[in-house]
Amino acid sequence: MIAGLLWVPATLLAASAQVARNGLQARLTREIGTLGATQVRFIYGLPFALLFWLASWLLIGTELPRMGATAIGYLLLGAVTQIAATALMLVAMAQRAFGVAYAYIKTEPILVALFGVLLLGDHLAPLAWIGILVATGGILLVSIDPRAWASLFHEWRPMAVGIASGAFFGLASVAYRGAIVAVESDSGLMRALSVLVAALVVQCVLLGLWLALFDRRAFTGSLRIWRESLGAGFLGALATAGWNSALSLTAAANVRTLGLIEMPIAALINRRVSGRALGMREWGGILLVAGGIALMMSQALG
């Protein structure tokens, strides 16, 4: 029973690390552009991911994991869609206020649930679907003032970019779960970390080649500010290690819905930093997120 619950702390760790990493990446975007900041997540995350993999392999003492064609196919799909999702996320945050952009992106759990059913057969109970919808509604309430809803529908471009980012993040999560399940190893942690390392290698090569050929300024910029980028790389590797570890244990929709806890975390951190108290709308949204997560968890742990 305890082993079956390990995806919960892994998800909470991933969500917390992701909040911090997103803040660092958003600042880097202003210095080196969208693609340069996107590359930082991968190129500076790879050394830390390798350290995580090596330490786990030495501690666990298992045989080296093996990847067949199915695992590689899912891995490539996840790696490419994660690059697209990260770039679109940074574009959305540049076009719109952080909170509003984040709300668009966090339509992801609904899309994850749909992709999970279509690609992996990860079916959810009706109450879990209700929980996902309630939690997503809470995210929207926290992020967007109801008085601004009408104007948002006229700003279709940031909305489309944000939702597309969420869709690609969702597809990446499902693809990574498919790859993790398909890797041959006795250890779920080693399967998760092997997919993490392999995906980062693919992403570094693809994005590095693109930037070297078509945007050398962003490529050299990401190397020039290596000190600032190390923190984003470490947090990115830690977050993805947590996500992948959770995905090795349960359906992607469960993981990404619980991961919505990052929005209240971000709101509370922002309150502490800015000194601005949360209003009734923000608290109402946080309660909706908590209620939706509780509904989903009641089915996932039942």
C-alpha atoms as a PDB file:
ATOM      1  CA  MET A   1       0.000   0.000   0.000  1.00  0.00           C
ATOM      2  CA  ILE A   2       2.785   2.439   0.931  1.00  0.00           C
ATOM      3  CA  ALA A   3       4.641   1.704  -2.319  1.00  0.00           C
ATOM      4  CA  GLY A   4       1.446   2.470  -4.236  1.00  0.00           C
ATOM      5  CA  LEU A   5       1.334   5.946  -2.657  1.00  0.00           C
ATOM      6  CA  LEU A   6       4.892   6.941  -3.563  1.00  0.00           C
ATOM      7  CA  TRP A   7       3.632   8.810  -6.623  1.00  0.00           C
ATOM      8  CA  VAL A   8       2.058  11.391  -4.285  1.00  0.00           C
ATOM      9  CA  PRO A   9       5.294  12.758  -2.690  1.00  0.00           C
ATOM     10  CA  ALA A  10       7.058  12.430  -6.059  1.00  0.00           C
ATOM     11  CA  THR A  11       4.389  14.633  -7.659  1.00  0.00           C
ATOM     12  CA  LEU A  12       4.492  17.180  -4.839  1.00  0.00           C
ATOM     13  CA  LEU A  13       8.277  17.429  -5.156  1.00  0.00           C
ATOM     14  CA  ALA A  14       7.980  17.843  -8.929  1.00  0.00           C
ATOM     15  CA  ALA A  15       5.308  20.552  -8.647  1.00  0.00           C
ATOM     16  CA  SER A  16       7.330  22.569  -6.117  1.00  0.00           C
ATOM     17  CA  ALA A  17      10.510  22.374  -8.210  1.00  0.00           C
ATOM     18  CA  GLN A  18       8.565  23.334 -11.327  1.00  0.00           C
ATOM     19  CA  VAL A  19       7.173  26.509  -9.742  1.00  0.00           C
ATOM     20  CA  ALA A  20      10.706  27.688  -8.962  1.00  0.00           C
ATOM     21  CA  ARG A  21      12.057  26.656 -12.364  1.00  0.00           C
ATOM     22  CA  ASN A  22       9.300  28.452 -14.284  1.00  0.00           C
ATOM     23  CA  GLY A  23      10.120  31.676 -12.464  1.00  0.00           C
ATOM     24  CA  LEU A  24      13.808  31.388 -13.348  1.00  0.00           C
ATOM     25  CA  GLN A  25      13.059  30.546 -16.988  1.00  0.00           C
ATOM     26  CA  ALA A  26      10.676  33.477 -17.346  1.00  0.00           C
ATOM     27  CA  ARG A  27      13.460  35.854 -16.262  1.00  0.00           C
ATOM     28  CA  LEU A  28      15.965  34.237 -18.636  1.00  0.00           C
ATOM     29  CA  THR A  29      13.549  34.739 -21.556  1.00  0.00           C
ATOM     30  CA  ARG A  30      14.037  38.503 -21.313  1.00  0.00           C
ATOM     31  CA  GLU A  31      17.807  38.066 -21.676  1.00  0.00           C
ATOM     32  CA  ILE A  32      18.237  35.342 -24.306  1.00  0.00           C
ATOM     33  CA  GLY A  33      14.846  34.933 -25.949  1.00  0.00           C
ATOM     34  CA  THR A  34      12.276  32.142 -25.939  1.00  0.00           C
ATOM     35  CA  LEU A  35      14.315  29.377 -27.574  1.00  0.00           C
ATOM     36  CA  GLY A  36      17.445  30.239 -25.606  1.00  0.00           C
ATOM     37  CA  ALA A  37      15.547  29.986 -22.332  1.00  0.00           C
ATOM     38  CA  THR A  38      13.920  26.775 -23.544  1.00  0.00           C
ATOM     39  CA  GLN A  39      17.336  25.247 -24.228  1.00  0.00           C
ATOM     40  CA  VAL A  40      18.494  26.125 -20.697  1.00  0.00           C
ATOM     41  CA  ARG A  41      15.973  23.661 -19.258  1.00  0.00           C
ATOM     42  CA  PHE A  42      17.509  20.825 -21.246  1.00  0.00           C
ATOM     43  CA  ILE A  43      21.217  21.514 -21.658  1.00  0.00           C
ATOM     44  CA  TYR A  44      21.753  22.468 -18.006  1.00  0.00           C
ATOM     45  CA  GLY A  45      19.371  19.798 -16.762  1.00  0.00           C
ATOM     46  CA  LEU A  46      21.240  16.919 -18.428  1.00  0.00           C
ATOM     47  CA  PRO A  47      24.301  16.849 -16.083  1.00  0.00           C
ATOM     48  CA  PHE A  48      22.043  16.769 -13.022  1.00  0.00           C
ATOM     49  CA  ALA A  49      19.853  14.074 -14.582  1.00  0.00           C
ATOM     50  CA  LEU A  50      22.949  11.947 -15.222  1.00  0.00           C
ATOM     51  CA  LEU A  51      23.983  12.374 -11.577  1.00  0.00           C
ATOM     52  CA  PHE A  52      20.488  11.318 -10.418  1.00  0.00           C
ATOM     53  CA  TRP A  53      20.621   8.257 -12.716  1.00  0.00           C
ATOM     54  CA  LEU A  54      24.136   7.206 -11.657  1.00  0.00           C
ATOM     55  CA  ALA A  55      23.448   7.614  -7.929  1.00  0.00           C
ATOM     56  CA  SER A  56      20.230   5.591  -8.188  1.00  0.00           C
ATOM     57  CA  TRP A  57      21.884   2.832 -10.224  1.00  0.00           C
ATOM     58  CA  LEU A  58      24.723   2.514  -7.702  1.00  0.00           C
ATOM     59  CA  LEU A  59      22.310   2.456  -4.752  1.00  0.00           C
ATOM     60  CA  ILE A  60      19.789   0.045  -6.272  1.00  0.00           C
ATOM     61  CA  GLY A  61      22.344  -2.231  -7.926  1.00  0.00           C
ATOM     62  CA  THR A  62      20.006  -3.396 -10.683  1.00  0.00           C
ATOM     63  CA  GLU A  63      20.903  -4.372 -14.264  1.00  0.00           C
ATOM     64  CA  LEU A  64      21.076  -1.622 -16.865  1.00  0.00           C
ATOM     65  CA  PRO A  65      17.600  -0.798 -18.218  1.00  0.00           C
ATOM     66  CA  ARG A  66      16.884  -1.718 -21.861  1.00  0.00           C
ATOM     67  CA  MET A  67      14.767   0.222 -24.349  1.00  0.00           C
ATOM     68  CA  GLY A  68      12.940  -1.435 -27.225  1.00  0.00           C
ATOM     69  CA  ALA A  69      11.248   0.148 -30.236  1.00  0.00           C
ATOM     70  CA  THR A  70       8.059   0.978 -28.334  1.00  0.00           C
ATOM     71  CA  ALA A  71       9.916   2.794 -25.554  1.00  0.00           C
ATOM     72  CA  ILE A  72      12.048   4.717 -28.057  1.00  0.00           C
ATOM     73  CA  GLY A  73       8.989   5.742 -30.081  1.00  0.00           C
ATOM     74  CA  TYR A  74       7.180   7.105 -27.027  1.00  0.00           C
ATOM     75  CA  LEU A  75      10.409   8.724 -25.836  1.00  0.00           C
ATOM     76  CA  LEU A  76      10.899  10.632 -29.092  1.00  0.00           C
ATOM     77  CA  LEU A  77       7.269  11.773 -29.061  1.00  0.00           C
ATOM     78  CA  GLY A  78       7.623  13.006 -25.483  1.00  0.00           C
ATOM     79  CA  ALA A  79      10.938  14.775 -26.124  1.00  0.00           C
ATOM     80  CA  VAL A  80       9.699  16.691 -29.171  1.00  0.00           C
ATOM     81  CA  THR A  81       6.336  17.678 -27.705  1.00  0.00           C
ATOM     82  CA  GLN A  82       8.002  18.846 -24.471  1.00  0.00           C
ATOM     83  CA  ILE A  83      10.259  21.195 -26.444  1.00  0.00           C
ATOM     84  CA  ALA A  84       7.220  22.621 -28.225  1.00  0.00           C
ATOM     85  CA  ALA A  85       5.268  22.898 -24.952  1.00  0.00           C
ATOM     86  CA  THR A  86       8.076  24.745 -23.150  1.00  0.00           C
ATOM     87  CA  ALA A  87       8.597  27.214 -26.009  1.00  0.00           C
ATOM     88  CA  LEU A  88       4.851  27.917 -26.275  1.00  0.00           C
ATOM     89  CA  MET A  89       4.632  28.347 -22.488  1.00  0.00           C
ATOM     90  CA  LEU A  90       7.300  31.042 -22.555  1.00  0.00           C
ATOM     91  CA  VAL A  91       5.605  32.747 -25.512  1.00  0.00           C
ATOM     92  CA  ALA A  92       2.274  32.739 -23.645  1.00  0.00           C
ATOM     93  CA  MET A  93       3.898  34.202 -20.539  1.00  0.00           C
ATOM     94  CA  ALA A  94       5.503  36.938 -22.649  1.00  0.00           C
ATOM     95  CA  GLN A  95       2.176  37.814 -24.318  1.00  0.00           C
ATOM     96  CA  ARG A  96      -0.034  37.764 -21.238  1.00  0.00           C
ATOM     97  CA  ALA A  97       0.174  38.213 -17.483  1.00  0.00           C
ATOM     98  CA  PHE A  98       1.830  35.261 -15.759  1.00  0.00           C
ATOM     99  CA  GLY A  99      -1.309  34.129 -13.942  1.00  0.00           C
ATOM    100  CA  VAL A 100      -3.569  34.264 -16.996  1.00  0.00           C
ATOM    101  CA  ALA A 101      -1.031  32.473 -19.198  1.00  0.00           C
ATOM    102  CA  TYR A 102      -0.616  29.839 -16.495  1.00  0.00           C
ATOM    103  CA  ALA A 103      -4.370  29.273 -16.407  1.00  0.00           C
ATOM    104  CA  TYR A 104      -4.474  28.581 -20.130  1.00  0.00           C
ATOM    105  CA  ILE A 105      -1.587  26.140 -19.841  1.00  0.00           C
ATOM    106  CA  LYS A 106      -3.149  24.380 -16.855  1.00  0.00           C
ATOM    107  CA  THR A 107      -6.085  23.132 -18.912  1.00  0.00           C
ATOM    108  CA  GLU A 108      -3.518  20.325 -19.333  1.00  0.00           C
ATOM    109  CA  PRO A 109      -5.027  17.718 -16.917  1.00  0.00           C
ATOM    110  CA  ILE A 110      -8.204  17.448 -19.000  1.00  0.00           C
ATOM    111  CA  LEU A 111      -6.115  16.908 -22.134  1.00  0.00           C
ATOM    112  CA  VAL A 112      -3.833  14.448 -20.310  1.00  0.00           C
ATOM    113  CA  ALA A 113      -6.844  12.362 -19.308  1.00  0.00           C
ATOM    114  CA  LEU A 114      -8.080  12.279 -22.916  1.00  0.00           C
ATOM    115  CA  PHE A 115      -4.639  11.421 -24.337  1.00  0.00           C
ATOM    116  CA  GLY A 116      -4.189   8.758 -21.658  1.00  0.00           C
ATOM    117  CA  VAL A 117      -7.401   7.025 -22.688  1.00  0.00           C
ATOM    118  CA  LEU A 118      -6.619   7.247 -26.409  1.00  0.00           C
ATOM    119  CA  LEU A 119      -2.934   6.243 -26.333  1.00  0.00           C
ATOM    120  CA  LEU A 120      -2.500   4.053 -23.245  1.00  0.00           C
ATOM    121  CA  GLY A 121      -5.982   2.951 -22.212  1.00  0.00           C
ATOM    122  CA  ASP A 122      -5.655   4.693 -18.819  1.00  0.00           C
ATOM    123  CA  HIS A 123      -9.374   4.900 -18.077  1.00  0.00           C
ATOM    124  CA  LEU A 124     -10.584   6.958 -15.117  1.00  0.00           C
ATOM    125  CA  ALA A 125     -13.660   6.664 -12.904  1.00  0.00           C
ATOM    126  CA  PRO A 126     -16.435   9.272 -13.453  1.00  0.00           C
ATOM    127  CA  LEU A 127     -15.681  10.895 -10.083  1.00  0.00           C
ATOM    128  CA  ALA A 128     -12.052  11.326 -11.097  1.00  0.00           C
ATOM    129  CA  TRP A 129     -13.160  13.157 -14.257  1.00  0.00           C
ATOM    130  CA  ILE A 130     -15.333  15.438 -12.114  1.00  0.00           C
ATOM    131  CA  GLY A 131     -12.358  16.110  -9.839  1.00  0.00           C
ATOM    132  CA  ILE A 132     -10.172  17.061 -12.819  1.00  0.00           C
ATOM    133  CA  LEU A 133     -12.821  19.495 -14.095  1.00  0.00           C
ATOM    134  CA  VAL A 134     -13.349  21.042 -10.644  1.00  0.00           C
ATOM    135  CA  ALA A 135      -9.603  21.500 -10.061  1.00  0.00           C
ATOM    136  CA  THR A 136      -9.151  23.053 -13.509  1.00  0.00           C
ATOM    137  CA  GLY A 137     -12.029  25.428 -12.768  1.00  0.00           C
ATOM    138  CA  GLY A 138     -10.255  26.423  -9.566  1.00  0.00           C
ATOM    139  CA  ILE A 139      -7.102  27.248 -11.525  1.00  0.00           C
ATOM    140  CA  LEU A 140      -9.096  29.490 -13.843  1.00  0.00           C
ATOM    141  CA  LEU A 141     -10.737  31.253 -10.885  1.00  0.00           C
ATOM    142  CA  VAL A 142      -7.401  31.876  -9.145  1.00  0.00           C
ATOM    143  CA  SER A 143      -5.777  33.217 -12.288  1.00  0.00           C
ATOM    144  CA  ILE A 144      -8.435  35.288 -14.013  1.00  0.00           C
ATOM    145  CA  ASP A 145     -10.655  38.000 -12.597  1.00  0.00           C
ATOM    146  CA  PRO A 146     -14.253  37.160 -13.656  1.00  0.00           C
ATOM    147  CA  ARG A 147     -14.674  40.789 -14.774  1.00  0.00           C
ATOM    148  CA  ALA A 148     -11.996  40.191 -17.411  1.00  0.00           C
ATOM    149  CA  TRP A 149     -13.482  37.013 -18.881  1.00  0.00           C
ATOM    150  CA  ALA A 150     -15.296  38.755 -21.738  1.00  0.00           C
ATOM    151  CA  SER A 151     -12.139  40.517 -22.947  1.00  0.00           C
ATOM    152  CA  LEU A 152     -10.127  37.297 -22.843  1.00  0.00           C
ATOM    153  CA  PHE A 153     -12.166  35.716 -25.618  1.00  0.00           C
ATOM    154  CA  HIS A 154     -11.232  38.631 -27.897  1.00  0.00           C
ATOM    155  CA  GLU A 155      -7.551  37.942 -27.210  1.00  0.00           C
ATOM    156  CA  TRP A 156      -7.583  34.619 -29.001  1.00  0.00           C
ATOM    157  CA  ARG A 157      -3.860  34.450 -29.766  1.00  0.00           C
ATOM    158  CA  PRO A 158      -2.516  34.186 -26.169  1.00  0.00           C
ATOM    159  CA  MET A 159      -5.358  31.799 -25.330  1.00  0.00           C
ATOM    160  CA  ALA A 160      -4.558  29.577 -28.326  1.00  0.00           C
ATOM    161  CA  VAL A 161      -0.833  29.584 -27.518  1.00  0.00           C
ATOM    162  CA  GLY A 162      -1.452  28.755 -23.851  1.00  0.00           C
ATOM    163  CA  ILE A 163      -3.904  25.940 -24.550  1.00  0.00           C
ATOM    164  CA  ALA A 164      -1.583  24.548 -27.242  1.00  0.00           C
ATOM    165  CA  SER A 165       1.218  24.552 -24.668  1.00  0.00           C
ATOM    166  CA  GLY A 166      -0.994  22.653 -22.241  1.00  0.00           C
ATOM    167  CA  ALA A 167      -1.911  20.160 -24.964  1.00  0.00           C
ATOM    168  CA  PHE A 168       1.743  19.494 -25.800  1.00  0.00           C
ATOM    169  CA  PHE A 169       2.649  19.181 -22.115  1.00  0.00           C
ATOM    170  CA  GLY A 170      -0.217  16.719 -21.742  1.00  0.00           C
ATOM    171  CA  LEU A 171       0.865  14.679 -24.741  1.00  0.00           C
ATOM    172  CA  ALA A 172       4.459  14.671 -23.456  1.00  0.00           C
ATOM    173  CA  SER A 173       3.323  13.356 -20.050  1.00  0.00           C
ATOM    174  CA  VAL A 174       1.350  10.517 -21.618  1.00  0.00           C
ATOM    175  CA  ALA A 175       4.199   9.705 -24.022  1.00  0.00           C
ATOM    176  CA  TYR A 176       6.710   9.594 -21.175  1.00  0.00           C
ATOM    177  CA  ARG A 177       4.447   7.274 -19.213  1.00  0.00           C
ATOM    178  CA  GLY A 178       4.252   5.024 -22.274  1.00  0.00           C
ATOM    179  CA  ALA A 179       8.052   5.030 -22.569  1.00  0.00           C
ATOM    180  CA  ILE A 180       8.590   4.383 -18.846  1.00  0.00           C
ATOM    181  CA  VAL A 181       6.198   1.431 -18.810  1.00  0.00           C
ATOM    182  CA  ALA A 182       7.862  -0.012 -21.938  1.00  0.00           C
ATOM    183  CA  VAL A 183      11.450   0.166 -20.591  1.00  0.00           C
ATOM    184  CA  GLU A 184      12.739  -3.226 -19.436  1.00  0.00           C
ATOM    185  CA  SER A 185      13.938  -2.981 -15.825  1.00  0.00           C
ATOM    186  CA  ASP A 186      13.006  -4.336 -12.395  1.00  0.00           C
ATOM    187  CA  SER A 187      13.186  -0.841 -10.894  1.00  0.00           C
ATOM    188  CA  GLY A 188      10.493   1.755 -11.562  1.00  0.00           C
ATOM    189  CA  LEU A 189      12.873   4.516 -10.489  1.00  0.00           C
ATOM    190  CA  MET A 190      15.530   3.384 -12.969  1.00  0.00           C
ATOM    191  CA  ARG A 191      12.935   3.219 -15.741  1.00  0.00           C
ATOM    192  CA  ALA A 192      11.858   6.778 -14.917  1.00  0.00           C
ATOM    193  CA  LEU A 193      15.378   8.196 -14.722  1.00  0.00           C
ATOM    194  CA  SER A 194      16.515   6.359 -17.867  1.00  0.00           C
ATOM    195  CA  VAL A 195      13.692   7.989 -19.821  1.00  0.00           C
ATOM    196  CA  LEU A 196      14.617  11.353 -18.278  1.00  0.00           C
ATOM    197  CA  VAL A 197      18.275  11.104 -19.342  1.00  0.00           C
ATOM    198  CA  ALA A 198      17.510   9.776 -22.821  1.00  0.00           C
ATOM    199  CA  ALA A 199      14.883  12.468 -23.434  1.00  0.00           C
ATOM    200  CA  LEU A 200      17.254  15.235 -22.348  1.00  0.00           C
ATOM    201  CA  VAL A 201      19.958  13.917 -24.709  1.00  0.00           C
ATOM    202  CA  VAL A 202      17.490  13.986 -27.616  1.00  0.00           C
ATOM    203  CA  GLN A 203      16.273  17.466 -26.651  1.00  0.00           C
ATOM    204  CA  CYS A 204      19.787  18.893 -26.279  1.00  0.00           C
ATOM    205  CA  VAL A 205      20.772  17.574 -29.720  1.00  0.00           C
ATOM    206  CA  LEU A 206      17.610  18.709 -31.525  1.00  0.00           C
ATOM    207  CA  LEU A 207      17.326  22.144 -29.977  1.00  0.00           C
ATOM    208  CA  GLY A 208      21.077  22.726 -29.912  1.00  0.00           C
ATOM    209  CA  LEU A 209      21.367  21.997 -33.654  1.00  0.00           C
ATOM    210  CA  TRP A 210      18.395  24.239 -34.439  1.00  0.00           C
ATOM    211  CA  LEU A 211      19.794  27.150 -32.460  1.00  0.00           C
ATOM    212  CA  ALA A 212      23.328  26.686 -33.794  1.00  0.00           C
ATOM    213  CA  LEU A 213      22.019  26.818 -37.364  1.00  0.00           C
ATOM    214  CA  PHE A 214      19.224  29.379 -37.138  1.00  0.00           C
ATOM    215  CA  ASP A 215      19.610  31.391 -33.901  1.00  0.00           C
ATOM    216  CA  ARG A 216      23.237  31.506 -32.822  1.00  0.00           C
ATOM    217  CA  ARG A 217      22.622  34.541 -30.630  1.00  0.00           C
ATOM    218  CA  ALA A 218      20.244  32.542 -28.435  1.00  0.00           C
ATOM    219  CA  PHE A 219      22.607  29.553 -28.518  1.00  0.00           C
ATOM    220  CA  THR A 220      25.642  31.538 -27.354  1.00  0.00           C
ATOM    221  CA  GLY A 221      23.491  33.539 -24.933  1.00  0.00           C
ATOM    222  CA  SER A 222      22.429  30.394 -23.089  1.00  0.00           C
ATOM    223  CA  LEU A 223      26.101  29.451 -22.735  1.00  0.00           C
ATOM    224  CA  ARG A 224      27.142  32.962 -21.673  1.00  0.00           C
ATOM    225  CA  ILE A 225      24.779  33.117 -18.690  1.00  0.00           C
ATOM    226  CA  TRP A 226      25.633  29.656 -17.441  1.00  0.00           C
ATOM    227  CA  ARG A 227      25.684  30.700 -13.772  1.00  0.00           C
ATOM    228  CA  GLU A 228      22.077  31.894 -13.875  1.00  0.00           C
ATOM    229  CA  SER A 229      21.098  28.864 -15.930  1.00  0.00           C
ATOM    230  CA  LEU A 230      22.458  26.208 -13.564  1.00  0.00           C
ATOM    231  CA  GLY A 231      19.640  26.765 -11.081  1.00  0.00           C
ATOM    232  CA  ALA A 232      16.992  26.400 -13.783  1.00  0.00           C
ATOM    233  CA  GLY A 233      18.728  23.271 -15.063  1.00  0.00           C
ATOM    234  CA  PHE A 234      18.867  21.648 -11.638  1.00  0.00           C
ATOM    235  CA  LEU A 235      15.247  22.464 -10.824  1.00  0.00           C
ATOM    236  CA  GLY A 236      14.139  21.292 -14.265  1.00  0.00           C
ATOM    237  CA  ALA A 237      15.919  17.945 -13.857  1.00  0.00           C
ATOM    238  CA  LEU A 238      14.546  17.545 -10.327  1.00  0.00           C
ATOM    239  CA  ALA A 239      11.001  18.367 -11.448  1.00  0.00           C
ATOM    240  CA  THR A 240      11.100  15.965 -14.396  1.00  0.00           C
ATOM    241  CA  ALA A 241      12.642  13.218 -12.249  1.00  0.00           C
ATOM    242  CA  GLY A 242       9.702  13.645  -9.876  1.00  0.00           C
ATOM    243  CA  TRP A 243       7.120  13.661 -12.679  1.00  0.00           C
ATOM    244  CA  ASN A 244       8.625  10.572 -14.334  1.00  0.00           C
ATOM    245  CA  SER A 245       8.865   8.691 -11.044  1.00  0.00           C
ATOM    246  CA  ALA A 246       5.181   9.398 -10.393  1.00  0.00           C
ATOM    247  CA  LEU A 247       4.259   8.435 -13.974  1.00  0.00           C
ATOM    248  CA  SER A 248       5.904   5.047 -13.467  1.00  0.00           C
ATOM    249  CA  LEU A 249       3.382   4.326 -10.685  1.00  0.00           C
ATOM    250  CA  THR A 250       0.004   5.688 -11.804  1.00  0.00           C
ATOM    251  CA  ALA A 251      -1.966   7.179 -14.708  1.00  0.00           C
ATOM    252  CA  ALA A 252      -0.713  10.460 -16.132  1.00  0.00           C
ATOM    253  CA  ALA A 253      -4.060  12.172 -15.406  1.00  0.00           C
ATOM    254  CA  ASN A 254      -3.699  11.438 -11.681  1.00  0.00           C
ATOM    255  CA  VAL A 255      -0.185  12.872 -11.644  1.00  0.00           C
ATOM    256  CA  ARG A 256      -0.972  16.021 -13.597  1.00  0.00           C
ATOM    257  CA  THR A 257      -4.141  16.726 -11.620  1.00  0.00           C
ATOM    258  CA  LEU A 258      -2.337  16.466  -8.287  1.00  0.00           C
ATOM    259  CA  GLY A 259       0.369  18.586  -9.906  1.00  0.00           C
ATOM    260  CA  LEU A 260      -2.116  21.469 -10.043  1.00  0.00           C
ATOM    261  CA  ILE A 261      -1.115  22.028  -6.421  1.00  0.00           C
ATOM    262  CA  GLU A 262       1.717  24.085  -7.910  1.00  0.00           C
ATOM    263  CA  MET A 263      -0.731  26.916  -8.632  1.00  0.00           C
ATOM    264  CA  PRO A 264      -1.707  27.485  -4.979  1.00  0.00           C
ATOM    265  CA  ILE A 265       1.978  27.117  -4.073  1.00  0.00           C
ATOM    266  CA  ALA A 266       2.852  29.832  -6.602  1.00  0.00           C
ATOM    267  CA  ALA A 267       0.038  32.057  -5.298  1.00  0.00           C
ATOM    268  CA  LEU A 268       1.175  31.710  -1.683  1.00  0.00           C
ATOM    269  CA  ILE A 269       4.815  32.370  -2.610  1.00  0.00           C
ATOM    270  CA  ASN A 270       3.753  35.445  -4.573  1.00  0.00           C
ATOM    271  CA  ARG A 271       1.789  36.649  -1.541  1.00  0.00           C
ATOM    272  CA  ARG A 272       4.837  36.254   0.685  1.00  0.00           C
ATOM    273  CA  VAL A 273       7.134  38.010  -1.779  1.00  0.00           C
ATOM    274  CA  SER A 274       4.794  40.852  -2.725  1.00  0.00           C
ATOM    275  CA  GLY A 275       3.121  41.256   0.661  1.00  0.00           C
ATOM    276  CA  ARG A 276      -0.299  41.313  -1.038  1.00  0.00           C
ATOM    277  CA  ALA A 277      -2.991  39.323   0.740  1.00  0.00           C
ATOM    278  CA  LEU A 278      -5.020  36.821  -1.271  1.00  0.00           C
ATOM    279  CA  GLY A 279      -8.582  37.931  -2.012  1.00  0.00           C
ATOM    280  CA  MET A 280     -11.807  35.954  -1.763  1.00  0.00           C
ATOM    281  CA  ARG A 281     -11.550  34.926  -5.418  1.00  0.00           C
ATOM    282  CA  GLU A 282      -8.051  33.491  -4.970  1.00  0.00           C
ATOM    283  CA  TRP A 283      -9.028  31.621  -1.801  1.00  0.00           C
ATOM    284  CA  GLY A 284     -12.163  30.309  -3.520  1.00  0.00           C
ATOM    285  CA  GLY A 285     -10.075  29.048  -6.433  1.00  0.00           C
ATOM    286  CA  ILE A 286      -7.586  27.374  -4.096  1.00  0.00           C
ATOM    287  CA  LEU A 287     -10.451  25.615  -2.307  1.00  0.00           C
ATOM    288  CA  LEU A 288     -11.819  24.413  -5.657  1.00  0.00           C
ATOM    289  CA  VAL A 289      -8.390  23.084  -6.632  1.00  0.00           C
ATOM    290  CA  ALA A 290      -8.123  21.299  -3.283  1.00  0.00           C
ATOM    291  CA  GLY A 291     -11.635  19.856  -3.637  1.00  0.00           C
ATOM    292  CA  GLY A 292     -10.988  18.661  -7.176  1.00  0.00           C
ATOM    293  CA  ILE A 293      -7.719  17.039  -6.142  1.00  0.00           C
ATOM    294  CA  ALA A 294      -9.503  15.374  -3.210  1.00  0.00           C
ATOM    295  CA  LEU A 295     -12.136  13.909  -5.551  1.00  0.00           C
ATOM    296  CA  MET A 296      -9.459  12.612  -7.912  1.00  0.00           C
ATOM    297  CA  MET A 297      -7.384  11.208  -5.051  1.00  0.00           C
ATOM    298  CA  SER A 298     -10.393   9.400  -3.588  1.00  0.00           C
ATOM    299  CA  GLN A 299     -10.592   7.411  -6.814  1.00  0.00           C
ATOM    300  CA  ALA A 300      -6.851   7.032  -7.404  1.00  0.00           C
ATOM    301  CA  LEU A 301      -6.282   5.673  -3.903  1.00  0.00           C
ATOM    302  CA  GLY A 302      -9.555   3.787  -3.586  1.00  0.00           C
END
